[in-house]
Amino acid sequence: MSITGLLPASPRNRIPFLNPIPCRLSSSPSTLKIDARGASISGIQHLPVPNGRHPGSHLCSIPLNTNGCINSSVQVAESAIDECFSLLDRIKANSSCTSSSSCRQVHGRLAKLGALKGDGFIANKLVIAYSRNTELLNDARKLFDEIPKREVPAYAALIGALCRLERWVDLFCTVGMLVNDGMLPDKYLLPTILKACSMMERVEVGKMVHGHAVRKGMDEDVFVLNALIDMYANCGNLRYSERVFDAMNERDVVSWTALIVAYSTHGLLDEAIDAFSRMELDGIKADLISWNALVSAFARNGEIDLALQSLEEMQETGLRPDRKSV
């Protein structure tokens, strides 16, 4: 079954990607649009192409002196470049747990070196570092807005941080800025956008993201498809969830769990049990989240004995219940 068949029928209506969500984070409004069949997206022209410049190249535009010897100021610039790279290594070293003081110290030093000017290579790296610590999100946002040339990884890091904080409106606004900057959401970013659609029950936006995925050949990516199953189910469109699932060439435990949760949410106990059984027949081992989904399906329908029985069976497989299990 083709996933393109899930998209709305009318080709005439062009629906804004973000409106009517207000955007206070950027003075420029979002322009991303997609036609009802997902055939085209307006406001997007091309992906950014790296210009190949050295990340410290703006520090090196210092002329040689008249006798051809390198001016001492060039040596100072080279020293500054070396320090910039050293500071970037420090950022990478703190990638798993970037402290507020460490990141701000690096920021201050880079600013003094003038490394945050130019093409924005280093500033984009610093935004990524800031975004790893949700306490520094305001710092990340301030720096991000000042970058003359923002890059997709910096956008992705900021959008990921907004998702973790469940700041859905700000997330949509940032996606609008990404599009206005002439870039496209990639397959790594689409699941995050779809989660926002799911949490805000913005199925009309989710359908346009779906259309974008189909047009750009991302409708075979299992992570994108899993997010679509969850989004459609949370937005009340179980039929679309089933059709996305049935059209998948490859399914993992997340795919099956998303379908089980979808059935459970809509009160379809028999279908949830059947999906769990089919998952096991398909050779996919249920994980804790899958078992929790089945237990929840029983509990939602008042089958407490069956829920407790499922908990016992889960523990027999070596899994231990967590808070969501009970």
C-alpha atoms as a PDB file:
ATOM      1  CA  MET A   1       0.000   0.000   0.000  1.00  0.00           C
ATOM      2  CA  SER A   2       1.392   3.409  -0.915  1.00  0.00           C
ATOM      3  CA  ILE A   3       1.747   5.955   1.852  1.00  0.00           C
ATOM      4  CA  THR A   4       1.045   8.721  -0.643  1.00  0.00           C
ATOM      5  CA  GLY A   5      -2.556   7.541  -0.558  1.00  0.00           C
ATOM      6  CA  LEU A   6      -2.858   8.881   2.973  1.00  0.00           C
ATOM      7  CA  LEU A   7      -2.519  12.499   1.948  1.00  0.00           C
ATOM      8  CA  PRO A   8      -5.572  14.756   1.554  1.00  0.00           C
ATOM      9  CA  ALA A   9      -7.319  14.643  -1.804  1.00  0.00           C
ATOM     10  CA  SER A  10      -7.711  18.262  -2.869  1.00  0.00           C
ATOM     11  CA  PRO A  11      -4.688  19.669  -4.754  1.00  0.00           C
ATOM     12  CA  ARG A  12      -5.910  23.233  -4.674  1.00  0.00           C
ATOM     13  CA  ASN A  13      -5.867  24.236  -1.071  1.00  0.00           C
ATOM     14  CA  ARG A  14      -2.490  25.423   0.145  1.00  0.00           C
ATOM     15  CA  ILE A  15      -2.238  25.223   3.903  1.00  0.00           C
ATOM     16  CA  PRO A  16       0.309  27.185   5.946  1.00  0.00           C
ATOM     17  CA  PHE A  17       2.786  24.948   7.780  1.00  0.00           C
ATOM     18  CA  LEU A  18       2.729  26.856  11.038  1.00  0.00           C
ATOM     19  CA  ASN A  19      -0.132  29.338  11.031  1.00  0.00           C
ATOM     20  CA  PRO A  20      -2.141  30.252  13.024  1.00  0.00           C
ATOM     21  CA  ILE A  21       0.414  29.573  15.767  1.00  0.00           C
ATOM     22  CA  PRO A  22       1.830  32.970  16.805  1.00  0.00           C
ATOM     23  CA  CYS A  23       5.585  33.366  16.588  1.00  0.00           C
ATOM     24  CA  ARG A  24       7.281  35.726  18.999  1.00  0.00           C
ATOM     25  CA  LEU A  25      10.799  34.395  18.569  1.00  0.00           C
ATOM     26  CA  SER A  26      11.442  35.811  15.130  1.00  0.00           C
ATOM     27  CA  SER A  27      10.403  38.977  13.399  1.00  0.00           C
ATOM     28  CA  SER A  28      10.045  37.123  10.123  1.00  0.00           C
ATOM     29  CA  PRO A  29       6.905  34.970   9.750  1.00  0.00           C
ATOM     30  CA  SER A  30       6.953  31.374   8.656  1.00  0.00           C
ATOM     31  CA  THR A  31       6.355  30.776   4.965  1.00  0.00           C
ATOM     32  CA  LEU A  32       6.477  26.986   4.670  1.00  0.00           C
ATOM     33  CA  LYS A  33       3.475  25.691   2.733  1.00  0.00           C
ATOM     34  CA  ILE A  34       2.640  22.413   1.111  1.00  0.00           C
ATOM     35  CA  ASP A  35      -0.148  21.577  -1.273  1.00  0.00           C
ATOM     36  CA  ALA A  36      -2.841  19.204  -0.081  1.00  0.00           C
ATOM     37  CA  ARG A  37      -1.222  16.199  -1.757  1.00  0.00           C
ATOM     38  CA  GLY A  38       2.266  16.999  -0.502  1.00  0.00           C
ATOM     39  CA  ALA A  39       3.366  17.670  -4.073  1.00  0.00           C
ATOM     40  CA  SER A  40       5.334  20.844  -3.373  1.00  0.00           C
ATOM     41  CA  ILE A  41       6.612  23.020  -0.587  1.00  0.00           C
ATOM     42  CA  SER A  42       6.825  26.759  -1.051  1.00  0.00           C
ATOM     43  CA  GLY A  43       9.247  29.086   0.629  1.00  0.00           C
ATOM     44  CA  ILE A  44      12.108  26.566   0.295  1.00  0.00           C
ATOM     45  CA  GLN A  45      14.701  26.712  -2.415  1.00  0.00           C
ATOM     46  CA  HIS A  46      17.772  24.705  -1.535  1.00  0.00           C
ATOM     47  CA  LEU A  47      19.813  23.205   1.211  1.00  0.00           C
ATOM     48  CA  PRO A  48      22.804  25.198   2.449  1.00  0.00           C
ATOM     49  CA  VAL A  49      26.090  24.281   0.819  1.00  0.00           C
ATOM     50  CA  PRO A  50      29.225  24.575   2.951  1.00  0.00           C
ATOM     51  CA  ASN A  51      31.497  27.242   1.551  1.00  0.00           C
ATOM     52  CA  GLY A  52      34.637  25.377   2.525  1.00  0.00           C
ATOM     53  CA  ARG A  53      36.044  28.248   4.526  1.00  0.00           C
ATOM     54  CA  HIS A  54      38.309  27.616   7.423  1.00  0.00           C
ATOM     55  CA  PRO A  55      36.341  28.186  10.655  1.00  0.00           C
ATOM     56  CA  GLY A  56      38.766  30.898  11.633  1.00  0.00           C
ATOM     57  CA  SER A  57      39.218  32.373   8.189  1.00  0.00           C
ATOM     58  CA  HIS A  58      37.818  35.721   9.189  1.00  0.00           C
ATOM     59  CA  LEU A  59      40.783  36.040  11.553  1.00  0.00           C
ATOM     60  CA  CYS A  60      43.294  35.534   8.733  1.00  0.00           C
ATOM     61  CA  SER A  61      42.529  38.392   6.371  1.00  0.00           C
ATOM     62  CA  ILE A  62      45.749  40.163   7.367  1.00  0.00           C
ATOM     63  CA  PRO A  63      48.108  41.201   4.556  1.00  0.00           C
ATOM     64  CA  LEU A  64      51.796  40.296   4.283  1.00  0.00           C
ATOM     65  CA  ASN A  65      54.275  43.121   4.741  1.00  0.00           C
ATOM     66  CA  THR A  66      56.203  44.556   1.851  1.00  0.00           C
ATOM     67  CA  ASN A  67      59.228  42.241   2.072  1.00  0.00           C
ATOM     68  CA  GLY A  68      57.090  39.093   1.899  1.00  0.00           C
ATOM     69  CA  CYS A  69      57.625  38.104   5.526  1.00  0.00           C
ATOM     70  CA  ILE A  70      54.649  37.186   7.621  1.00  0.00           C
ATOM     71  CA  ASN A  71      53.570  40.099   9.705  1.00  0.00           C
ATOM     72  CA  SER A  72      53.594  39.557  13.449  1.00  0.00           C
ATOM     73  CA  SER A  73      49.873  40.259  13.500  1.00  0.00           C
ATOM     74  CA  VAL A  74      49.379  37.112  11.413  1.00  0.00           C
ATOM     75  CA  GLN A  75      51.114  35.100  14.100  1.00  0.00           C
ATOM     76  CA  VAL A  76      48.724  36.578  16.620  1.00  0.00           C
ATOM     77  CA  ALA A  77      45.814  35.580  14.401  1.00  0.00           C
ATOM     78  CA  GLU A  78      47.156  32.047  14.044  1.00  0.00           C
ATOM     79  CA  SER A  79      47.493  31.815  17.802  1.00  0.00           C
ATOM     80  CA  ALA A  80      43.902  32.973  18.153  1.00  0.00           C
ATOM     81  CA  ILE A  81      42.772  30.313  15.670  1.00  0.00           C
ATOM     82  CA  ASP A  82      44.602  27.632  17.623  1.00  0.00           C
ATOM     83  CA  GLU A  83      42.869  28.807  20.767  1.00  0.00           C
ATOM     84  CA  CYS A  84      39.509  28.738  18.987  1.00  0.00           C
ATOM     85  CA  PHE A  85      40.026  25.098  18.077  1.00  0.00           C
ATOM     86  CA  SER A  86      41.135  24.348  21.608  1.00  0.00           C
ATOM     87  CA  LEU A  87      37.933  25.909  22.905  1.00  0.00           C
ATOM     88  CA  LEU A  88      35.887  23.936  20.378  1.00  0.00           C
ATOM     89  CA  ASP A  89      37.537  20.749  21.659  1.00  0.00           C
ATOM     90  CA  ARG A  90      36.532  21.804  25.151  1.00  0.00           C
ATOM     91  CA  ILE A  91      32.932  22.158  23.988  1.00  0.00           C
ATOM     92  CA  LYS A  92      33.018  18.655  22.479  1.00  0.00           C
ATOM     93  CA  ALA A  93      34.519  17.246  25.672  1.00  0.00           C
ATOM     94  CA  ASN A  94      31.542  18.617  27.601  1.00  0.00           C
ATOM     95  CA  SER A  95      29.013  17.337  25.085  1.00  0.00           C
ATOM     96  CA  SER A  96      27.331  14.917  27.471  1.00  0.00           C
ATOM     97  CA  CYS A  97      27.000  17.346  30.365  1.00  0.00           C
ATOM     98  CA  THR A  98      27.721  20.958  29.570  1.00  0.00           C
ATOM     99  CA  SER A  99      27.844  23.031  32.729  1.00  0.00           C
ATOM    100  CA  SER A 100      26.543  26.585  32.732  1.00  0.00           C
ATOM    101  CA  SER A 101      29.808  28.097  33.944  1.00  0.00           C
ATOM    102  CA  SER A 102      31.980  26.126  31.500  1.00  0.00           C
ATOM    103  CA  CYS A 103      29.892  27.005  28.469  1.00  0.00           C
ATOM    104  CA  ARG A 104      29.673  30.681  29.377  1.00  0.00           C
ATOM    105  CA  GLN A 105      33.436  30.861  29.950  1.00  0.00           C
ATOM    106  CA  VAL A 106      34.055  29.408  26.511  1.00  0.00           C
ATOM    107  CA  HIS A 107      31.495  31.823  25.045  1.00  0.00           C
ATOM    108  CA  GLY A 108      33.163  34.819  26.646  1.00  0.00           C
ATOM    109  CA  ARG A 109      36.622  33.846  25.455  1.00  0.00           C
ATOM    110  CA  LEU A 110      35.448  33.164  21.907  1.00  0.00           C
ATOM    111  CA  ALA A 111      33.731  36.546  21.842  1.00  0.00           C
ATOM    112  CA  LYS A 112      36.958  38.291  22.906  1.00  0.00           C
ATOM    113  CA  LEU A 113      38.844  36.484  20.146  1.00  0.00           C
ATOM    114  CA  GLY A 114      36.287  37.693  17.628  1.00  0.00           C
ATOM    115  CA  ALA A 115      35.524  34.087  16.696  1.00  0.00           C
ATOM    116  CA  LEU A 116      31.773  34.572  16.805  1.00  0.00           C
ATOM    117  CA  LYS A 117      31.874  36.905  13.822  1.00  0.00           C
ATOM    118  CA  GLY A 118      32.296  35.926  10.203  1.00  0.00           C
ATOM    119  CA  ASP A 119      30.399  32.998   8.693  1.00  0.00           C
ATOM    120  CA  GLY A 120      29.066  31.720  12.028  1.00  0.00           C
ATOM    121  CA  PHE A 121      30.830  28.323  12.026  1.00  0.00           C
ATOM    122  CA  ILE A 122      31.988  28.590  15.634  1.00  0.00           C
ATOM    123  CA  ALA A 123      28.812  30.319  16.821  1.00  0.00           C
ATOM    124  CA  ASN A 124      26.754  27.421  15.454  1.00  0.00           C
ATOM    125  CA  LYS A 125      28.941  24.978  17.406  1.00  0.00           C
ATOM    126  CA  LEU A 126      28.420  27.003  20.559  1.00  0.00           C
ATOM    127  CA  VAL A 127      24.631  26.988  20.085  1.00  0.00           C
ATOM    128  CA  ILE A 128      24.769  23.192  19.896  1.00  0.00           C
ATOM    129  CA  ALA A 129      26.710  23.091  23.166  1.00  0.00           C
ATOM    130  CA  TYR A 130      24.284  25.456  24.876  1.00  0.00           C
ATOM    131  CA  SER A 131      21.293  23.439  23.678  1.00  0.00           C
ATOM    132  CA  ARG A 132      22.524  20.304  25.434  1.00  0.00           C
ATOM    133  CA  ASN A 133      21.802  21.989  28.752  1.00  0.00           C
ATOM    134  CA  THR A 134      18.173  23.080  28.998  1.00  0.00           C
ATOM    135  CA  GLU A 135      19.133  25.577  31.710  1.00  0.00           C
ATOM    136  CA  LEU A 136      21.083  27.452  29.047  1.00  0.00           C
ATOM    137  CA  LEU A 137      18.296  27.536  26.483  1.00  0.00           C
ATOM    138  CA  ASN A 138      17.824  31.307  26.751  1.00  0.00           C
ATOM    139  CA  ASP A 139      21.563  31.792  26.160  1.00  0.00           C
ATOM    140  CA  ALA A 140      21.364  29.463  23.182  1.00  0.00           C
ATOM    141  CA  ARG A 141      18.387  31.357  21.797  1.00  0.00           C
ATOM    142  CA  LYS A 142      20.063  34.755  22.171  1.00  0.00           C
ATOM    143  CA  LEU A 143      23.236  33.622  20.427  1.00  0.00           C
ATOM    144  CA  PHE A 144      21.260  31.757  17.781  1.00  0.00           C
ATOM    145  CA  ASP A 145      19.318  34.888  16.832  1.00  0.00           C
ATOM    146  CA  GLU A 146      22.593  36.786  16.341  1.00  0.00           C
ATOM    147  CA  ILE A 147      24.227  34.272  13.980  1.00  0.00           C
ATOM    148  CA  PRO A 148      24.370  35.655  10.423  1.00  0.00           C
ATOM    149  CA  LYS A 149      24.387  32.185   8.842  1.00  0.00           C
ATOM    150  CA  ARG A 150      22.575  29.530  10.859  1.00  0.00           C
ATOM    151  CA  GLU A 151      23.146  25.856  10.047  1.00  0.00           C
ATOM    152  CA  VAL A 152      20.859  22.806  10.226  1.00  0.00           C
ATOM    153  CA  PRO A 153      22.743  21.141  13.147  1.00  0.00           C
ATOM    154  CA  ALA A 154      22.283  24.265  15.274  1.00  0.00           C
ATOM    155  CA  TYR A 155      18.589  24.368  14.357  1.00  0.00           C
ATOM    156  CA  ALA A 156      18.255  20.683  15.209  1.00  0.00           C
ATOM    157  CA  ALA A 157      19.955  21.135  18.584  1.00  0.00           C
ATOM    158  CA  LEU A 158      17.738  24.076  19.511  1.00  0.00           C
ATOM    159  CA  ILE A 159      14.557  22.337  18.330  1.00  0.00           C
ATOM    160  CA  GLY A 160      15.564  19.234  20.307  1.00  0.00           C
ATOM    161  CA  ALA A 161      15.984  21.318  23.461  1.00  0.00           C
ATOM    162  CA  LEU A 162      12.580  22.947  22.956  1.00  0.00           C
ATOM    163  CA  CYS A 163      11.072  19.470  22.536  1.00  0.00           C
ATOM    164  CA  ARG A 164      12.617  18.254  25.807  1.00  0.00           C
ATOM    165  CA  LEU A 165      11.120  21.269  27.573  1.00  0.00           C
ATOM    166  CA  GLU A 166       7.786  20.736  25.784  1.00  0.00           C
ATOM    167  CA  ARG A 167       7.794  24.287  24.452  1.00  0.00           C
ATOM    168  CA  TRP A 168       5.781  23.339  21.407  1.00  0.00           C
ATOM    169  CA  VAL A 169       4.818  26.794  20.133  1.00  0.00           C
ATOM    170  CA  ASP A 170       8.437  27.953  20.284  1.00  0.00           C
ATOM    171  CA  LEU A 171       9.434  24.760  18.509  1.00  0.00           C
ATOM    172  CA  PHE A 172       7.066  25.455  15.621  1.00  0.00           C
ATOM    173  CA  CYS A 173       8.336  29.015  15.388  1.00  0.00           C
ATOM    174  CA  THR A 174      11.922  27.805  15.183  1.00  0.00           C
ATOM    175  CA  VAL A 175      10.962  25.387  12.411  1.00  0.00           C
ATOM    176  CA  GLY A 176       9.460  28.391  10.623  1.00  0.00           C
ATOM    177  CA  MET A 177      12.801  30.200  10.928  1.00  0.00           C
ATOM    178  CA  LEU A 178      14.582  27.145   9.508  1.00  0.00           C
ATOM    179  CA  VAL A 179      12.357  27.272   6.445  1.00  0.00           C
ATOM    180  CA  ASN A 180      12.685  31.033   6.092  1.00  0.00           C
ATOM    181  CA  ASP A 181      16.459  30.559   6.084  1.00  0.00           C
ATOM    182  CA  GLY A 182      16.084  28.389   2.980  1.00  0.00           C
ATOM    183  CA  MET A 183      16.579  24.986   4.601  1.00  0.00           C
ATOM    184  CA  LEU A 184      14.510  21.806   4.790  1.00  0.00           C
ATOM    185  CA  PRO A 185      13.758  19.627   7.825  1.00  0.00           C
ATOM    186  CA  ASP A 186      15.671  16.375   7.348  1.00  0.00           C
ATOM    187  CA  LYS A 187      14.731  12.847   8.403  1.00  0.00           C
ATOM    188  CA  TYR A 188      16.403  13.338  11.781  1.00  0.00           C
ATOM    189  CA  LEU A 189      14.350  16.436  12.524  1.00  0.00           C
ATOM    190  CA  LEU A 190      10.954  15.243  11.249  1.00  0.00           C
ATOM    191  CA  PRO A 191      10.222  12.891  14.203  1.00  0.00           C
ATOM    192  CA  THR A 192      10.705  15.803  16.613  1.00  0.00           C
ATOM    193  CA  ILE A 193       8.365  18.020  14.595  1.00  0.00           C
ATOM    194  CA  LEU A 194       5.816  15.193  14.426  1.00  0.00           C
ATOM    195  CA  LYS A 195       6.006  14.769  18.193  1.00  0.00           C
ATOM    196  CA  ALA A 196       5.113  18.444  18.565  1.00  0.00           C
ATOM    197  CA  CYS A 197       2.190  17.921  16.161  1.00  0.00           C
ATOM    198  CA  SER A 198       1.109  14.968  18.283  1.00  0.00           C
ATOM    199  CA  MET A 199       1.319  16.781  21.605  1.00  0.00           C
ATOM    200  CA  MET A 200      -0.553  19.809  20.270  1.00  0.00           C
ATOM    201  CA  GLU A 201      -2.983  17.657  18.240  1.00  0.00           C
ATOM    202  CA  ARG A 202      -2.136  19.591  15.093  1.00  0.00           C
ATOM    203  CA  VAL A 203      -3.044  16.866  12.614  1.00  0.00           C
ATOM    204  CA  GLU A 204      -3.270  19.342   9.722  1.00  0.00           C
ATOM    205  CA  VAL A 205       0.386  20.249  10.259  1.00  0.00           C
ATOM    206  CA  GLY A 206       1.281  16.588  10.713  1.00  0.00           C
ATOM    207  CA  LYS A 207      -0.273  15.736   7.349  1.00  0.00           C
ATOM    208  CA  MET A 208       1.846  18.391   5.680  1.00  0.00           C
ATOM    209  CA  VAL A 209       4.968  17.030   7.356  1.00  0.00           C
ATOM    210  CA  HIS A 210       3.896  13.616   6.051  1.00  0.00           C
ATOM    211  CA  GLY A 211       3.565  15.051   2.555  1.00  0.00           C
ATOM    212  CA  HIS A 212       7.017  16.605   2.839  1.00  0.00           C
ATOM    213  CA  ALA A 213       8.441  13.210   3.887  1.00  0.00           C
ATOM    214  CA  VAL A 214       6.848  11.514   0.868  1.00  0.00           C
ATOM    215  CA  ARG A 215       8.056  14.181  -1.555  1.00  0.00           C
ATOM    216  CA  LYS A 216      11.629  14.060  -0.251  1.00  0.00           C
ATOM    217  CA  GLY A 217      11.858  10.277  -0.109  1.00  0.00           C
ATOM    218  CA  MET A 218      11.868  10.064   3.680  1.00  0.00           C
ATOM    219  CA  ASP A 219       8.710   7.950   3.863  1.00  0.00           C
ATOM    220  CA  GLU A 220      10.790   4.752   4.081  1.00  0.00           C
ATOM    221  CA  ASP A 221      12.614   5.867   7.218  1.00  0.00           C
ATOM    222  CA  VAL A 222      11.401   3.796  10.171  1.00  0.00           C
ATOM    223  CA  PHE A 223      11.836   6.639  12.673  1.00  0.00           C
ATOM    224  CA  VAL A 224       9.731   9.013  10.588  1.00  0.00           C
ATOM    225  CA  LEU A 225       7.045   6.358  10.063  1.00  0.00           C
ATOM    226  CA  ASN A 226       6.933   5.453  13.764  1.00  0.00           C
ATOM    227  CA  ALA A 227       6.422   9.126  14.581  1.00  0.00           C
ATOM    228  CA  LEU A 228       3.626   9.308  12.002  1.00  0.00           C
ATOM    229  CA  ILE A 229       1.816   6.319  13.555  1.00  0.00           C
ATOM    230  CA  ASP A 230       1.960   7.965  16.963  1.00  0.00           C
ATOM    231  CA  MET A 231       0.975  11.398  15.646  1.00  0.00           C
ATOM    232  CA  TYR A 232      -2.089  10.203  13.748  1.00  0.00           C
ATOM    233  CA  ALA A 233      -3.280   8.092  16.690  1.00  0.00           C
ATOM    234  CA  ASN A 234      -2.861  10.924  19.202  1.00  0.00           C
ATOM    235  CA  CYS A 235      -4.728  13.257  16.861  1.00  0.00           C
ATOM    236  CA  GLY A 236      -7.657  10.836  16.691  1.00  0.00           C
ATOM    237  CA  ASN A 237      -7.054   9.426  13.223  1.00  0.00           C
ATOM    238  CA  LEU A 238      -6.505   5.737  13.921  1.00  0.00           C
ATOM    239  CA  ARG A 239      -7.238   4.747  10.330  1.00  0.00           C
ATOM    240  CA  TYR A 240      -4.207   6.703   9.108  1.00  0.00           C
ATOM    241  CA  SER A 241      -2.042   5.111  11.821  1.00  0.00           C
ATOM    242  CA  GLU A 242      -3.044   1.661  10.597  1.00  0.00           C
ATOM    243  CA  ARG A 243      -2.411   2.534   6.968  1.00  0.00           C
ATOM    244  CA  VAL A 244       1.042   3.929   7.715  1.00  0.00           C
ATOM    245  CA  PHE A 245       1.848   0.781   9.698  1.00  0.00           C
ATOM    246  CA  ASP A 246       0.533  -1.578   7.005  1.00  0.00           C
ATOM    247  CA  ALA A 247       2.576   0.205   4.317  1.00  0.00           C
ATOM    248  CA  MET A 248       5.872  -0.147   6.207  1.00  0.00           C
ATOM    249  CA  ASN A 249       8.498  -2.369   4.611  1.00  0.00           C
ATOM    250  CA  GLU A 250      10.394  -2.636   7.875  1.00  0.00           C
ATOM    251  CA  ARG A 251       8.937  -2.605  11.402  1.00  0.00           C
ATOM    252  CA  ASP A 252      10.773  -2.543  14.700  1.00  0.00           C
ATOM    253  CA  VAL A 253       9.560  -2.884  18.284  1.00  0.00           C
ATOM    254  CA  VAL A 254       8.767   0.841  18.349  1.00  0.00           C
ATOM    255  CA  SER A 255       6.479   0.460  15.329  1.00  0.00           C
ATOM    256  CA  TRP A 256       4.501  -2.337  16.957  1.00  0.00           C
ATOM    257  CA  THR A 257       4.367  -0.548  20.300  1.00  0.00           C
ATOM    258  CA  ALA A 258       3.065   2.604  18.623  1.00  0.00           C
ATOM    259  CA  LEU A 259       0.258   0.559  17.064  1.00  0.00           C
ATOM    260  CA  ILE A 260      -0.559  -1.183  20.387  1.00  0.00           C
ATOM    261  CA  VAL A 261      -0.696   2.191  22.142  1.00  0.00           C
ATOM    262  CA  ALA A 262      -2.907   3.542  19.351  1.00  0.00           C
ATOM    263  CA  TYR A 263      -5.412   0.732  19.821  1.00  0.00           C
ATOM    264  CA  SER A 264      -5.260   1.044  23.600  1.00  0.00           C
ATOM    265  CA  THR A 265      -5.862   4.800  23.469  1.00  0.00           C
ATOM    266  CA  HIS A 266      -8.956   4.244  21.340  1.00  0.00           C
ATOM    267  CA  GLY A 267     -10.312   1.523  23.639  1.00  0.00           C
ATOM    268  CA  LEU A 268      -9.754  -1.323  21.172  1.00  0.00           C
ATOM    269  CA  LEU A 269      -8.543  -4.066  23.498  1.00  0.00           C
ATOM    270  CA  ASP A 270      -8.895  -6.998  21.100  1.00  0.00           C
ATOM    271  CA  GLU A 271      -6.918  -5.167  18.426  1.00  0.00           C
ATOM    272  CA  ALA A 272      -4.194  -4.261  20.944  1.00  0.00           C
ATOM    273  CA  ILE A 273      -3.886  -7.914  22.053  1.00  0.00           C
ATOM    274  CA  ASP A 274      -3.805  -9.051  18.427  1.00  0.00           C
ATOM    275  CA  ALA A 275      -1.056  -6.538  17.568  1.00  0.00           C
ATOM    276  CA  PHE A 276       1.028  -7.727  20.542  1.00  0.00           C
ATOM    277  CA  SER A 277       0.642 -11.348  19.408  1.00  0.00           C
ATOM    278  CA  ARG A 278       1.499 -10.517  15.795  1.00  0.00           C
ATOM    279  CA  MET A 279       4.608  -8.682  16.975  1.00  0.00           C
ATOM    280  CA  GLU A 280       5.866 -11.827  18.707  1.00  0.00           C
ATOM    281  CA  LEU A 281       4.995 -13.976  15.679  1.00  0.00           C
ATOM    282  CA  ASP A 282       6.990 -11.518  13.574  1.00  0.00           C
ATOM    283  CA  GLY A 283      10.041 -12.418  15.652  1.00  0.00           C
ATOM    284  CA  ILE A 284      10.263  -9.102  17.503  1.00  0.00           C
ATOM    285  CA  LYS A 285      10.821  -9.376  21.227  1.00  0.00           C
ATOM    286  CA  ALA A 286       8.615  -7.139  23.355  1.00  0.00           C
ATOM    287  CA  ASP A 287      10.451  -4.600  25.491  1.00  0.00           C
ATOM    288  CA  LEU A 288       9.311  -2.913  28.685  1.00  0.00           C
ATOM    289  CA  ILE A 289       7.420  -0.195  26.817  1.00  0.00           C
ATOM    290  CA  SER A 290       5.551  -2.801  24.743  1.00  0.00           C
ATOM    291  CA  TRP A 291       4.522  -4.720  27.849  1.00  0.00           C
ATOM    292  CA  ASN A 292       3.452  -1.499  29.535  1.00  0.00           C
ATOM    293  CA  ALA A 293       1.275  -0.704  26.520  1.00  0.00           C
ATOM    294  CA  LEU A 294      -0.430  -4.095  26.787  1.00  0.00           C
ATOM    295  CA  VAL A 295      -0.912  -3.782  30.559  1.00  0.00           C
ATOM    296  CA  SER A 296      -2.359  -0.312  30.035  1.00  0.00           C
ATOM    297  CA  ALA A 297      -4.765  -1.672  27.397  1.00  0.00           C
ATOM    298  CA  PHE A 298      -6.093  -4.223  29.880  1.00  0.00           C
ATOM    299  CA  ALA A 299      -6.356  -1.653  32.679  1.00  0.00           C
ATOM    300  CA  ARG A 300      -8.149   0.893  30.470  1.00  0.00           C
ATOM    301  CA  ASN A 301     -10.810  -1.689  29.715  1.00  0.00           C
ATOM    302  CA  GLY A 302     -11.246  -2.821  33.323  1.00  0.00           C
ATOM    303  CA  GLU A 303      -9.475  -6.150  32.837  1.00  0.00           C
ATOM    304  CA  ILE A 304      -7.408  -5.894  36.017  1.00  0.00           C
ATOM    305  CA  ASP A 305      -6.801  -9.637  36.348  1.00  0.00           C
ATOM    306  CA  LEU A 306      -5.418  -9.799  32.819  1.00  0.00           C
ATOM    307  CA  ALA A 307      -3.290  -6.721  33.501  1.00  0.00           C
ATOM    308  CA  LEU A 308      -1.756  -8.405  36.565  1.00  0.00           C
ATOM    309  CA  GLN A 309      -1.252 -11.611  34.597  1.00  0.00           C
ATOM    310  CA  SER A 310       0.600  -9.661  31.915  1.00  0.00           C
ATOM    311  CA  LEU A 311       2.825  -8.102  34.577  1.00  0.00           C
ATOM    312  CA  GLU A 312       3.761 -11.594  35.793  1.00  0.00           C
ATOM    313  CA  GLU A 313       4.492 -12.778  32.255  1.00  0.00           C
ATOM    314  CA  MET A 314       6.621  -9.691  31.670  1.00  0.00           C
ATOM    315  CA  GLN A 315       8.736 -10.429  34.744  1.00  0.00           C
ATOM    316  CA  GLU A 316       9.190 -14.023  33.580  1.00  0.00           C
ATOM    317  CA  THR A 317      10.960 -12.632  30.507  1.00  0.00           C
ATOM    318  CA  GLY A 318      13.468 -10.877  32.773  1.00  0.00           C
ATOM    319  CA  LEU A 319      11.952  -7.397  32.620  1.00  0.00           C
ATOM    320  CA  ARG A 320      11.207  -5.498  35.811  1.00  0.00           C
ATOM    321  CA  PRO A 321       8.121  -3.244  36.105  1.00  0.00           C
ATOM    322  CA  ASP A 322       8.607   0.487  36.372  1.00  0.00           C
ATOM    323  CA  ARG A 323       6.268   3.281  37.434  1.00  0.00           C
ATOM    324  CA  LYS A 324       4.365   3.142  34.166  1.00  0.00           C
ATOM    325  CA  SER A 325       3.791  -0.584  34.606  1.00  0.00           C
ATOM    326  CA  VAL A 326       1.711  -0.015  37.733  1.00  0.00           C
END
